Amino acid sequence: MSWANHSSSVPQWFFLVGVPGLEEFHLWFSIPLCLMYAVALLGNLALLVAVALDPALHQPMYVFLAMLAATDVVLSCSTVPKALSIFWFRSGATSSGACLAQVFFVHFASATESGILLAMAFDRYVAICKPLRHASILPRSVIQKIGLAVLLRGFSVVVTFVFLLRRLPYCGHQVIPHTYCEHMGVARLACADITVNVVYGLTAALSTLGVDSVLICVSYVLIVRAVFRLPSKEARLKALDTCGSHLCVILMFYTPAFFSFFTHRFGHSIPRHLHILLANLYVIVPPMLNPVIYGVKTKRIREGVARWFLQAGKHF
C-alpha cells in the first residue's frame, strides 16, 4: 500500500474512553488527579521562577532541576487536562492531529526527563568525586550544550513515532482504551502488521531510558566508592545527603516507567484498568513530588521560593 493510502486511512477522530470497566469511578478518580495536577503546576512553576530570579541558584544542580521542572510541566499538561475532561464530561473525542501531538509530547517529555536525570547524576558525580574541578568541568556553556543535546536526542527519537503511526491503516478503528494517546496504544488499533512499531518502540526505550538508567547506576557506584573513602563519618553522611533527593526522584521516575513499558508489551495477564491507572500515576506523581522533595531537602530552594512569594505578595 502506498504512503498516501496509509496516510489517508488515519481516522479524523480518535475516542479515548478513560479507564474501561471502571467508568462509574471516573468522578472519584478525577478528584485526586486534579489535586495532584494543581500541586504539580504550582510547585514546578514556583521552582522555575525561584531559580530564574535568584542568582545564587544559577549553579549546575539548580539549573538541571529547573530543566526537570519544565519537563514535568510539559508531561503533566500534555496528559492530565484531557484525562480530566474524560472523567468530568466524558469528552473523549480527540482529533488525529491532537492525538499524534500528545503521543509526541508524552514520549518526548519522558525521554527528556531521563536525560536530565542522567545529567544530574553526572553533576553529583563531579561535585563529590572531583569537587575542586566542578566549576571548570560544568561551566554555563557546557550546561547549555548538555540541555540542548538532551532535547535533540528526545526529539530525534520520538518524532519517528509520529511517522510510524501515520503510515498505518486503521480500518475505522478509533476507540483507544486509555486516558491519553501513547505510541503502542494507538498502534494496536491498526489493521496491519505493527512489528516495526514494536521493535522501534523497544529500541527507543532501551536507547534512552535503558542506557540512561545504566549510566546513572554506574555514576552512583563511583559516588558511593568515593564517599566511603572520605576520612570522617560526618563528611560521608553529608555527601550522601546531597544525593538523597536525586535518588528519590530517580526511583519515582524509572520504577513506574519501566513497569508501564514492560507490562504494555509483555504483561498481557495484568488487568487493563490497572495498567491505565499506573500510567496515569506515572505522568502526574513524579511531577507532583519532584519539587516537593527538592524543596524539603534543599534549603536554598526553600529560601528562593519564599523570597519569590514575599516579593509577589508586595505587589498585591
C-alpha atoms as a PDB file:
ATOM      1  CA  MET A   1       0.000   0.000   0.000  1.00  0.00           C
ATOM      2  CA  SER A   2       1.341   3.450  -0.838  1.00  0.00           C
ATOM      3  CA  TRP A   3       2.227   6.171   1.635  1.00  0.00           C
ATOM      4  CA  ALA A   4      -0.730   8.260   0.512  1.00  0.00           C
ATOM      5  CA  ASN A   5      -3.175   5.424   1.099  1.00  0.00           C
ATOM      6  CA  HIS A   6      -1.726   4.766   4.526  1.00  0.00           C
ATOM      7  CA  SER A   7      -1.893   8.447   5.459  1.00  0.00           C
ATOM      8  CA  SER A   8      -5.493   8.812   4.283  1.00  0.00           C
ATOM      9  CA  SER A   9      -6.520   5.809   6.398  1.00  0.00           C
ATOM     10  CA  VAL A  10      -5.731   7.623   9.652  1.00  0.00           C
ATOM     11  CA  PRO A  11      -9.127   8.439  11.229  1.00  0.00           C
ATOM     12  CA  GLN A  12     -10.085  12.069  11.556  1.00  0.00           C
ATOM     13  CA  TRP A  13     -11.008  11.418  15.193  1.00  0.00           C
ATOM     14  CA  PHE A  14      -9.945   9.053  17.939  1.00  0.00           C
ATOM     15  CA  PHE A  15     -12.017   8.382  21.055  1.00  0.00           C
ATOM     16  CA  LEU A  16     -10.393   7.967  24.472  1.00  0.00           C
ATOM     17  CA  VAL A  17     -12.597   6.064  26.891  1.00  0.00           C
ATOM     18  CA  GLY A  18     -10.717   6.618  30.167  1.00  0.00           C
ATOM     19  CA  VAL A  19     -10.452   3.522  32.370  1.00  0.00           C
ATOM     20  CA  PRO A  20     -12.513   0.732  30.742  1.00  0.00           C
ATOM     21  CA  GLY A  21     -14.653  -1.208  33.186  1.00  0.00           C
ATOM     22  CA  LEU A  22     -14.363   1.441  35.891  1.00  0.00           C
ATOM     23  CA  GLU A  23     -16.410   4.223  34.292  1.00  0.00           C
ATOM     24  CA  GLU A  24     -18.567   4.611  37.396  1.00  0.00           C
ATOM     25  CA  PHE A  25     -15.445   5.612  39.347  1.00  0.00           C
ATOM     26  CA  HIS A  26     -14.270   8.255  36.870  1.00  0.00           C
ATOM     27  CA  LEU A  27     -15.522  11.139  39.010  1.00  0.00           C
ATOM     28  CA  TRP A  28     -13.716   9.745  42.060  1.00  0.00           C
ATOM     29  CA  PHE A  29     -10.505   9.292  40.045  1.00  0.00           C
ATOM     30  CA  SER A  30     -10.702  12.922  38.961  1.00  0.00           C
ATOM     31  CA  ILE A  31     -10.547  14.345  42.498  1.00  0.00           C
ATOM     32  CA  PRO A  32      -7.029  13.194  43.493  1.00  0.00           C
ATOM     33  CA  LEU A  33      -5.851  13.648  39.893  1.00  0.00           C
ATOM     34  CA  CYS A  34      -6.994  17.283  39.866  1.00  0.00           C
ATOM     35  CA  LEU A  35      -5.413  17.981  43.263  1.00  0.00           C
ATOM     36  CA  MET A  36      -2.117  16.381  42.242  1.00  0.00           C
ATOM     37  CA  TYR A  37      -2.154  18.345  38.978  1.00  0.00           C
ATOM     38  CA  ALA A  38      -2.621  21.626  40.860  1.00  0.00           C
ATOM     39  CA  VAL A  39       0.237  20.788  43.230  1.00  0.00           C
ATOM     40  CA  ALA A  40       2.470  19.783  40.303  1.00  0.00           C
ATOM     41  CA  LEU A  41       1.820  23.008  38.405  1.00  0.00           C
ATOM     42  CA  LEU A  42       2.221  25.267  41.435  1.00  0.00           C
ATOM     43  CA  GLY A  43       5.337  23.515  42.713  1.00  0.00           C
ATOM     44  CA  ASN A  44       7.171  23.323  39.391  1.00  0.00           C
ATOM     45  CA  LEU A  45       6.294  26.861  38.306  1.00  0.00           C
ATOM     46  CA  ALA A  46       7.377  28.231  41.696  1.00  0.00           C
ATOM     47  CA  LEU A  47      10.654  26.322  41.403  1.00  0.00           C
ATOM     48  CA  LEU A  48      11.229  27.634  37.870  1.00  0.00           C
ATOM     49  CA  VAL A  49      10.624  31.227  38.917  1.00  0.00           C
ATOM     50  CA  ALA A  50      12.813  30.882  42.018  1.00  0.00           C
ATOM     51  CA  VAL A  51      15.755  29.514  40.009  1.00  0.00           C
ATOM     52  CA  ALA A  52      15.309  32.134  37.295  1.00  0.00           C
ATOM     53  CA  LEU A  53      15.181  35.106  39.691  1.00  0.00           C
ATOM     54  CA  ASP A  54      17.765  34.080  42.294  1.00  0.00           C
ATOM     55  CA  PRO A  55      21.405  34.409  41.105  1.00  0.00           C
ATOM     56  CA  ALA A  56      22.505  32.141  43.969  1.00  0.00           C
ATOM     57  CA  LEU A  57      20.606  29.294  42.292  1.00  0.00           C
ATOM     58  CA  HIS A  58      22.359  29.676  38.923  1.00  0.00           C
ATOM     59  CA  GLN A  59      24.511  26.626  39.639  1.00  0.00           C
ATOM     60  CA  PRO A  60      24.534  23.357  37.665  1.00  0.00           C
ATOM     61  CA  MET A  61      22.439  21.412  40.170  1.00  0.00           C
ATOM     62  CA  TYR A  62      19.660  24.024  40.247  1.00  0.00           C
ATOM     63  CA  VAL A  63      19.746  24.708  36.507  1.00  0.00           C
ATOM     64  CA  PHE A  64      19.251  21.000  35.839  1.00  0.00           C
ATOM     65  CA  LEU A  65      16.486  20.998  38.429  1.00  0.00           C
ATOM     66  CA  ALA A  66      14.787  23.876  36.583  1.00  0.00           C
ATOM     67  CA  MET A  67      15.026  21.855  33.353  1.00  0.00           C
ATOM     68  CA  LEU A  68      13.424  18.932  35.184  1.00  0.00           C
ATOM     69  CA  ALA A  69      10.617  21.180  36.436  1.00  0.00           C
ATOM     70  CA  ALA A  70       9.935  22.495  32.916  1.00  0.00           C
ATOM     71  CA  THR A  71       9.814  18.927  31.578  1.00  0.00           C
ATOM     72  CA  ASP A  72       7.420  17.903  34.353  1.00  0.00           C
ATOM     73  CA  VAL A  73       5.103  20.769  33.407  1.00  0.00           C
ATOM     74  CA  VAL A  74       5.098  19.579  29.779  1.00  0.00           C
ATOM     75  CA  LEU A  75       4.459  15.954  30.795  1.00  0.00           C
ATOM     76  CA  SER A  76       1.561  16.729  33.128  1.00  0.00           C
ATOM     77  CA  CYS A  77      -0.012  19.411  30.909  1.00  0.00           C
ATOM     78  CA  SER A  78       0.036  17.148  27.862  1.00  0.00           C
ATOM     79  CA  THR A  79      -1.953  14.398  29.602  1.00  0.00           C
ATOM     80  CA  VAL A  80      -3.902  15.425  32.700  1.00  0.00           C
ATOM     81  CA  PRO A  81      -6.283  18.048  31.200  1.00  0.00           C
ATOM     82  CA  LYS A  82      -7.601  15.530  28.666  1.00  0.00           C
ATOM     83  CA  ALA A  83      -7.957  12.868  31.347  1.00  0.00           C
ATOM     84  CA  LEU A  84      -9.959  15.271  33.499  1.00  0.00           C
ATOM     85  CA  SER A  85     -12.220  16.180  30.570  1.00  0.00           C
ATOM     86  CA  ILE A  86     -12.936  12.460  30.100  1.00  0.00           C
ATOM     87  CA  PHE A  87     -13.631  11.924  33.805  1.00  0.00           C
ATOM     88  CA  TRP A  88     -15.805  15.030  34.168  1.00  0.00           C
ATOM     89  CA  PHE A  89     -17.547  15.488  30.822  1.00  0.00           C
ATOM     90  CA  ARG A  90     -16.988  12.164  29.003  1.00  0.00           C
ATOM     91  CA  SER A  91     -15.257  14.259  26.378  1.00  0.00           C
ATOM     92  CA  GLY A  92     -13.047  11.552  24.898  1.00  0.00           C
ATOM     93  CA  ALA A  93     -13.078  12.698  21.287  1.00  0.00           C
ATOM     94  CA  THR A  94      -9.726  13.960  20.063  1.00  0.00           C
ATOM     95  CA  SER A  95      -8.616  14.785  16.539  1.00  0.00           C
ATOM     96  CA  SER A  96      -5.952  12.601  14.955  1.00  0.00           C
ATOM     97  CA  GLY A  97      -3.584  15.593  14.896  1.00  0.00           C
ATOM     98  CA  ALA A  98      -4.124  16.263  18.606  1.00  0.00           C
ATOM     99  CA  CYS A  99      -3.692  12.565  19.402  1.00  0.00           C
ATOM    100  CA  LEU A 100      -0.403  12.317  17.496  1.00  0.00           C
ATOM    101  CA  ALA A 101       0.778  15.552  19.133  1.00  0.00           C
ATOM    102  CA  GLN A 102       0.003  14.022  22.518  1.00  0.00           C
ATOM    103  CA  VAL A 103       1.973  10.895  21.563  1.00  0.00           C
ATOM    104  CA  PHE A 104       4.924  13.117  20.703  1.00  0.00           C
ATOM    105  CA  PHE A 105       4.861  15.250  23.855  1.00  0.00           C
ATOM    106  CA  VAL A 106       4.301  12.329  26.261  1.00  0.00           C
ATOM    107  CA  HIS A 107       7.262  10.355  24.932  1.00  0.00           C
ATOM    108  CA  PHE A 108       9.399  13.450  24.321  1.00  0.00           C
ATOM    109  CA  ALA A 109       8.934  14.579  27.932  1.00  0.00           C
ATOM    110  CA  SER A 110       9.777  11.083  29.213  1.00  0.00           C
ATOM    111  CA  ALA A 111      12.961  10.834  27.111  1.00  0.00           C
ATOM    112  CA  THR A 112      13.964  14.378  28.086  1.00  0.00           C
ATOM    113  CA  GLU A 113      13.356  13.787  31.787  1.00  0.00           C
ATOM    114  CA  SER A 114      15.504  10.649  31.657  1.00  0.00           C
ATOM    115  CA  GLY A 115      18.326  12.607  30.024  1.00  0.00           C
ATOM    116  CA  ILE A 116      18.089  15.352  32.635  1.00  0.00           C
ATOM    117  CA  LEU A 117      18.236  12.809  35.467  1.00  0.00           C
ATOM    118  CA  LEU A 118      21.410  11.423  33.881  1.00  0.00           C
ATOM    119  CA  ALA A 119      22.866  14.937  33.680  1.00  0.00           C
ATOM    120  CA  MET A 120      22.022  15.486  37.345  1.00  0.00           C
ATOM    121  CA  ALA A 121      23.745  12.208  38.250  1.00  0.00           C
ATOM    122  CA  PHE A 122      26.839  13.362  36.370  1.00  0.00           C
ATOM    123  CA  ASP A 123      26.705  16.681  38.237  1.00  0.00           C
ATOM    124  CA  ARG A 124      26.566  14.830  41.590  1.00  0.00           C
ATOM    125  CA  TYR A 125      29.478  12.626  40.496  1.00  0.00           C
ATOM    126  CA  VAL A 126      31.633  15.647  39.639  1.00  0.00           C
ATOM    127  CA  ALA A 127      30.611  17.530  42.805  1.00  0.00           C
ATOM    128  CA  ILE A 128      31.559  14.609  45.070  1.00  0.00           C
ATOM    129  CA  CYS A 129      34.406  12.907  43.211  1.00  0.00           C
ATOM    130  CA  LYS A 130      36.052  15.990  41.683  1.00  0.00           C
ATOM    131  CA  PRO A 131      34.885  18.918  43.841  1.00  0.00           C
ATOM    132  CA  LEU A 132      37.813  21.216  43.031  1.00  0.00           C
ATOM    133  CA  ARG A 133      37.163  20.911  39.293  1.00  0.00           C
ATOM    134  CA  HIS A 134      33.371  21.155  39.446  1.00  0.00           C
ATOM    135  CA  ALA A 135      33.156  24.718  38.154  1.00  0.00           C
ATOM    136  CA  SER A 136      35.629  24.104  35.333  1.00  0.00           C
ATOM    137  CA  ILE A 137      34.018  20.822  34.214  1.00  0.00           C
ATOM    138  CA  LEU A 138      30.464  22.197  34.264  1.00  0.00           C
ATOM    139  CA  PRO A 139      30.535  25.882  33.281  1.00  0.00           C
ATOM    140  CA  ARG A 140      27.391  27.518  31.919  1.00  0.00           C
ATOM    141  CA  SER A 141      28.344  26.784  28.298  1.00  0.00           C
ATOM    142  CA  VAL A 142      28.656  23.049  28.999  1.00  0.00           C
ATOM    143  CA  ILE A 143      25.319  23.007  30.830  1.00  0.00           C
ATOM    144  CA  GLN A 144      23.659  24.690  27.839  1.00  0.00           C
ATOM    145  CA  LYS A 145      25.174  22.114  25.473  1.00  0.00           C
ATOM    146  CA  ILE A 146      24.015  19.256  27.701  1.00  0.00           C
ATOM    147  CA  GLY A 147      20.493  20.673  27.781  1.00  0.00           C
ATOM    148  CA  LEU A 148      20.437  21.103  24.005  1.00  0.00           C
ATOM    149  CA  ALA A 149      21.775  17.574  23.468  1.00  0.00           C
ATOM    150  CA  VAL A 150      19.062  16.133  25.727  1.00  0.00           C
ATOM    151  CA  LEU A 151      16.346  17.990  23.797  1.00  0.00           C
ATOM    152  CA  LEU A 152      17.712  16.998  20.391  1.00  0.00           C
ATOM    153  CA  ARG A 153      18.031  13.357  21.426  1.00  0.00           C
ATOM    154  CA  GLY A 154      14.461  13.275  22.700  1.00  0.00           C
ATOM    155  CA  PHE A 155      13.126  14.956  19.565  1.00  0.00           C
ATOM    156  CA  SER A 156      15.023  12.745  17.102  1.00  0.00           C
ATOM    157  CA  VAL A 157      13.975   9.536  18.868  1.00  0.00           C
ATOM    158  CA  VAL A 158      10.318  10.422  19.462  1.00  0.00           C
ATOM    159  CA  VAL A 159       9.383  12.189  16.219  1.00  0.00           C
ATOM    160  CA  THR A 160       9.749   8.832  14.454  1.00  0.00           C
ATOM    161  CA  PHE A 161       6.781   7.535  16.478  1.00  0.00           C
ATOM    162  CA  VAL A 162       4.518  10.026  14.717  1.00  0.00           C
ATOM    163  CA  PHE A 163       5.639   8.956  11.250  1.00  0.00           C
ATOM    164  CA  LEU A 164       5.336   5.268  12.148  1.00  0.00           C
ATOM    165  CA  LEU A 165       1.758   5.804  13.326  1.00  0.00           C
ATOM    166  CA  ARG A 166       0.790   7.845  10.272  1.00  0.00           C
ATOM    167  CA  ARG A 167       1.883   5.087   7.909  1.00  0.00           C
ATOM    168  CA  LEU A 168      -0.500   2.538   9.442  1.00  0.00           C
ATOM    169  CA  PRO A 169      -4.032   1.794   8.166  1.00  0.00           C
ATOM    170  CA  TYR A 170      -6.669   1.795  10.913  1.00  0.00           C
ATOM    171  CA  CYS A 171      -9.703   0.410   9.037  1.00  0.00           C
ATOM    172  CA  GLY A 172     -12.064   2.616  11.026  1.00  0.00           C
ATOM    173  CA  HIS A 173     -10.744   1.582  14.456  1.00  0.00           C
ATOM    174  CA  GLN A 174     -10.963   4.713  16.590  1.00  0.00           C
ATOM    175  CA  VAL A 175     -11.562   3.733  20.232  1.00  0.00           C
ATOM    176  CA  ILE A 176      -8.484   3.907  22.499  1.00  0.00           C
ATOM    177  CA  PRO A 177      -8.923   2.276  25.942  1.00  0.00           C
ATOM    178  CA  HIS A 178      -6.847   4.880  27.758  1.00  0.00           C
ATOM    179  CA  THR A 179      -6.943   8.425  29.122  1.00  0.00           C
ATOM    180  CA  TYR A 180      -4.276   9.699  26.726  1.00  0.00           C
ATOM    181  CA  CYS A 181      -2.709   8.759  23.395  1.00  0.00           C
ATOM    182  CA  GLU A 182       0.585   6.918  23.529  1.00  0.00           C
ATOM    183  CA  HIS A 183       2.550   5.103  20.853  1.00  0.00           C
ATOM    184  CA  MET A 184       1.638   1.445  21.362  1.00  0.00           C
ATOM    185  CA  GLY A 185      -1.915   2.231  22.419  1.00  0.00           C
ATOM    186  CA  VAL A 186      -2.556   3.898  19.053  1.00  0.00           C
ATOM    187  CA  ALA A 187      -0.501   1.376  17.052  1.00  0.00           C
ATOM    188  CA  ARG A 188      -2.603  -1.531  18.354  1.00  0.00           C
ATOM    189  CA  LEU A 189      -5.664  -0.043  16.620  1.00  0.00           C
ATOM    190  CA  ALA A 190      -4.058  -0.674  13.221  1.00  0.00           C
ATOM    191  CA  CYS A 191      -5.294  -3.446  10.952  1.00  0.00           C
ATOM    192  CA  ALA A 192      -1.772  -4.169   9.689  1.00  0.00           C
ATOM    193  CA  ASP A 193       1.491  -5.611  10.938  1.00  0.00           C
ATOM    194  CA  ILE A 194       2.937  -3.367  13.658  1.00  0.00           C
ATOM    195  CA  THR A 195       6.226  -5.236  14.116  1.00  0.00           C
ATOM    196  CA  VAL A 196       8.179  -2.145  13.061  1.00  0.00           C
ATOM    197  CA  ASN A 197       6.407  -0.085  15.733  1.00  0.00           C
ATOM    198  CA  VAL A 198       7.054  -2.710  18.409  1.00  0.00           C
ATOM    199  CA  VAL A 199      10.735  -3.117  17.526  1.00  0.00           C
ATOM    200  CA  TYR A 200      11.365   0.620  17.208  1.00  0.00           C
ATOM    201  CA  GLY A 201       9.485   1.355  20.443  1.00  0.00           C
ATOM    202  CA  LEU A 202      11.592  -1.203  22.298  1.00  0.00           C
ATOM    203  CA  THR A 203      14.796   0.116  20.721  1.00  0.00           C
ATOM    204  CA  ALA A 204      13.904   3.722  21.527  1.00  0.00           C
ATOM    205  CA  ALA A 205      13.114   2.890  25.150  1.00  0.00           C
ATOM    206  CA  LEU A 206      16.306   0.902  25.658  1.00  0.00           C
ATOM    207  CA  SER A 207      18.477   3.530  23.944  1.00  0.00           C
ATOM    208  CA  THR A 208      17.097   6.348  26.126  1.00  0.00           C
ATOM    209  CA  LEU A 209      15.668   5.201  29.449  1.00  0.00           C
ATOM    210  CA  GLY A 210      17.642   1.946  29.426  1.00  0.00           C
ATOM    211  CA  VAL A 211      21.043   3.455  28.670  1.00  0.00           C
ATOM    212  CA  ASP A 212      20.403   6.426  30.977  1.00  0.00           C
ATOM    213  CA  SER A 213      19.460   4.200  33.912  1.00  0.00           C
ATOM    214  CA  VAL A 214      22.583   2.070  33.454  1.00  0.00           C
ATOM    215  CA  LEU A 215      24.832   5.163  33.326  1.00  0.00           C
ATOM    216  CA  ILE A 216      23.102   6.585  36.410  1.00  0.00           C
ATOM    217  CA  CYS A 217      23.805   3.330  38.256  1.00  0.00           C
ATOM    218  CA  VAL A 218      27.451   3.491  37.179  1.00  0.00           C
ATOM    219  CA  SER A 219      27.747   7.095  38.373  1.00  0.00           C
ATOM    220  CA  TYR A 220      26.313   6.202  41.779  1.00  0.00           C
ATOM    221  CA  VAL A 221      28.626   3.227  42.142  1.00  0.00           C
ATOM    222  CA  LEU A 222      31.529   5.638  41.626  1.00  0.00           C
ATOM    223  CA  ILE A 223      29.956   8.139  44.017  1.00  0.00           C
ATOM    224  CA  VAL A 224      29.475   5.552  46.771  1.00  0.00           C
ATOM    225  CA  ARG A 225      33.033   4.325  46.310  1.00  0.00           C
ATOM    226  CA  ALA A 226      34.335   7.895  46.622  1.00  0.00           C
ATOM    227  CA  VAL A 227      32.121   8.644  49.631  1.00  0.00           C
ATOM    228  CA  PHE A 228      33.397   5.690  51.651  1.00  0.00           C
ATOM    229  CA  ARG A 229      36.936   6.863  51.065  1.00  0.00           C
ATOM    230  CA  LEU A 230      36.202  10.106  52.907  1.00  0.00           C
ATOM    231  CA  PRO A 231      38.024  10.340  56.251  1.00  0.00           C
ATOM    232  CA  SER A 232      35.138  11.152  58.607  1.00  0.00           C
ATOM    233  CA  LYS A 233      31.653   9.789  59.129  1.00  0.00           C
ATOM    234  CA  GLU A 234      30.221  13.306  59.129  1.00  0.00           C
ATOM    235  CA  ALA A 235      31.710  14.010  55.708  1.00  0.00           C
ATOM    236  CA  ARG A 236      30.328  10.731  54.363  1.00  0.00           C
ATOM    237  CA  LEU A 237      26.829  11.451  55.665  1.00  0.00           C
ATOM    238  CA  LYS A 238      26.891  14.987  54.258  1.00  0.00           C
ATOM    239  CA  ALA A 239      27.973  13.720  50.828  1.00  0.00           C
ATOM    240  CA  LEU A 240      25.274  11.026  50.780  1.00  0.00           C
ATOM    241  CA  ASP A 241      22.647  13.536  51.906  1.00  0.00           C
ATOM    242  CA  THR A 242      23.297  15.681  48.831  1.00  0.00           C
ATOM    243  CA  CYS A 243      22.328  12.665  46.669  1.00  0.00           C
ATOM    244  CA  GLY A 244      19.240  11.667  48.650  1.00  0.00           C
ATOM    245  CA  SER A 245      16.774  13.883  46.786  1.00  0.00           C
ATOM    246  CA  HIS A 246      18.112  12.827  43.402  1.00  0.00           C
ATOM    247  CA  LEU A 247      17.865   9.128  44.275  1.00  0.00           C
ATOM    248  CA  CYS A 248      14.232   9.557  45.369  1.00  0.00           C
ATOM    249  CA  VAL A 249      13.381  11.304  42.095  1.00  0.00           C
ATOM    250  CA  ILE A 250      15.169   8.607  40.072  1.00  0.00           C
ATOM    251  CA  LEU A 251      13.213   5.812  41.766  1.00  0.00           C
ATOM    252  CA  MET A 252       9.909   7.643  41.321  1.00  0.00           C
ATOM    253  CA  PHE A 253      10.547   8.135  37.611  1.00  0.00           C
ATOM    254  CA  TYR A 254      12.130   4.873  36.479  1.00  0.00           C
ATOM    255  CA  THR A 255      10.086   2.407  38.565  1.00  0.00           C
ATOM    256  CA  PRO A 256       6.657   3.228  37.061  1.00  0.00           C
ATOM    257  CA  ALA A 257       8.247   3.985  33.667  1.00  0.00           C
ATOM    258  CA  PHE A 258       9.767   0.523  33.289  1.00  0.00           C
ATOM    259  CA  PHE A 259       6.742  -1.166  34.836  1.00  0.00           C
ATOM    260  CA  SER A 260       4.416   0.580  32.385  1.00  0.00           C
ATOM    261  CA  PHE A 261       6.715  -0.105  29.452  1.00  0.00           C
ATOM    262  CA  PHE A 262       7.173  -3.830  30.069  1.00  0.00           C
ATOM    263  CA  THR A 263       3.577  -4.564  31.092  1.00  0.00           C
ATOM    264  CA  HIS A 264       2.330  -2.807  27.951  1.00  0.00           C
ATOM    265  CA  ARG A 265       4.396  -5.174  25.822  1.00  0.00           C
ATOM    266  CA  PHE A 266       4.706  -8.372  27.828  1.00  0.00           C
ATOM    267  CA  GLY A 267       2.296  -8.215  30.776  1.00  0.00           C
ATOM    268  CA  HIS A 268      -0.807  -9.466  28.992  1.00  0.00           C
ATOM    269  CA  SER A 269      -2.104 -11.085  32.199  1.00  0.00           C
ATOM    270  CA  ILE A 270      -2.187  -7.746  34.045  1.00  0.00           C
ATOM    271  CA  PRO A 271      -5.701  -6.191  34.043  1.00  0.00           C
ATOM    272  CA  ARG A 272      -6.003  -3.321  31.581  1.00  0.00           C
ATOM    273  CA  HIS A 273      -7.506  -0.938  34.125  1.00  0.00           C
ATOM    274  CA  LEU A 274      -4.512  -1.454  36.438  1.00  0.00           C
ATOM    275  CA  HIS A 275      -2.097  -0.625  33.639  1.00  0.00           C
ATOM    276  CA  ILE A 276      -4.053   2.529  32.765  1.00  0.00           C
ATOM    277  CA  LEU A 277      -4.214   3.704  36.369  1.00  0.00           C
ATOM    278  CA  LEU A 278      -0.464   3.187  36.797  1.00  0.00           C
ATOM    279  CA  ALA A 279       0.174   5.001  33.512  1.00  0.00           C
ATOM    280  CA  ASN A 280      -1.743   7.988  34.872  1.00  0.00           C
ATOM    281  CA  LEU A 281       0.234   7.918  38.105  1.00  0.00           C
ATOM    282  CA  TYR A 282       3.431   7.885  36.044  1.00  0.00           C
ATOM    283  CA  VAL A 283       2.573  11.195  34.353  1.00  0.00           C
ATOM    284  CA  ILE A 284       1.452  13.018  37.497  1.00  0.00           C
ATOM    285  CA  VAL A 285       3.148  11.606  40.629  1.00  0.00           C
ATOM    286  CA  PRO A 286       6.792  12.434  39.676  1.00  0.00           C
ATOM    287  CA  PRO A 287       5.849  15.985  38.508  1.00  0.00           C
ATOM    288  CA  MET A 288       3.965  16.499  41.769  1.00  0.00           C
ATOM    289  CA  LEU A 289       6.617  15.111  44.130  1.00  0.00           C
ATOM    290  CA  ASN A 290       9.830  16.315  42.447  1.00  0.00           C
ATOM    291  CA  PRO A 291       9.526  19.974  43.579  1.00  0.00           C
ATOM    292  CA  VAL A 292       8.263  18.845  46.991  1.00  0.00           C
ATOM    293  CA  ILE A 293      11.240  16.535  47.548  1.00  0.00           C
ATOM    294  CA  TYR A 294      13.792  19.104  46.435  1.00  0.00           C
ATOM    295  CA  GLY A 295      12.018  21.878  48.324  1.00  0.00           C
ATOM    296  CA  VAL A 296      12.093  19.882  51.557  1.00  0.00           C
ATOM    297  CA  LYS A 297      15.675  18.655  51.157  1.00  0.00           C
ATOM    298  CA  THR A 298      17.303  21.792  49.719  1.00  0.00           C
ATOM    299  CA  LYS A 299      17.499  24.892  51.923  1.00  0.00           C
ATOM    300  CA  ARG A 300      18.472  27.245  49.086  1.00  0.00           C
ATOM    301  CA  ILE A 301      15.388  26.297  47.082  1.00  0.00           C
ATOM    302  CA  ARG A 302      13.124  26.813  50.099  1.00  0.00           C
ATOM    303  CA  GLU A 303      14.651  30.234  50.637  1.00  0.00           C
ATOM    304  CA  GLY A 304      14.403  31.123  46.924  1.00  0.00           C
ATOM    305  CA  VAL A 305      10.733  30.145  46.724  1.00  0.00           C
ATOM    306  CA  ALA A 306       9.980  32.005  49.973  1.00  0.00           C
ATOM    307  CA  ARG A 307      11.640  35.167  48.649  1.00  0.00           C
ATOM    308  CA  TRP A 308       9.657  34.919  45.424  1.00  0.00           C
ATOM    309  CA  PHE A 309       6.352  34.590  47.315  1.00  0.00           C
ATOM    310  CA  LEU A 310       7.282  37.545  49.534  1.00  0.00           C
ATOM    311  CA  GLN A 311       8.154  39.695  46.528  1.00  0.00           C
ATOM    312  CA  ALA A 312       4.963  38.639  44.747  1.00  0.00           C
ATOM    313  CA  GLY A 313       2.926  39.445  47.863  1.00  0.00           C
ATOM    314  CA  LYS A 314       4.256  43.014  47.946  1.00  0.00           C
ATOM    315  CA  HIS A 315       2.675  43.676  44.550  1.00  0.00           C
ATOM    316  CA  PHE A 316      -0.817  42.834  45.813  1.00  0.00           C
END
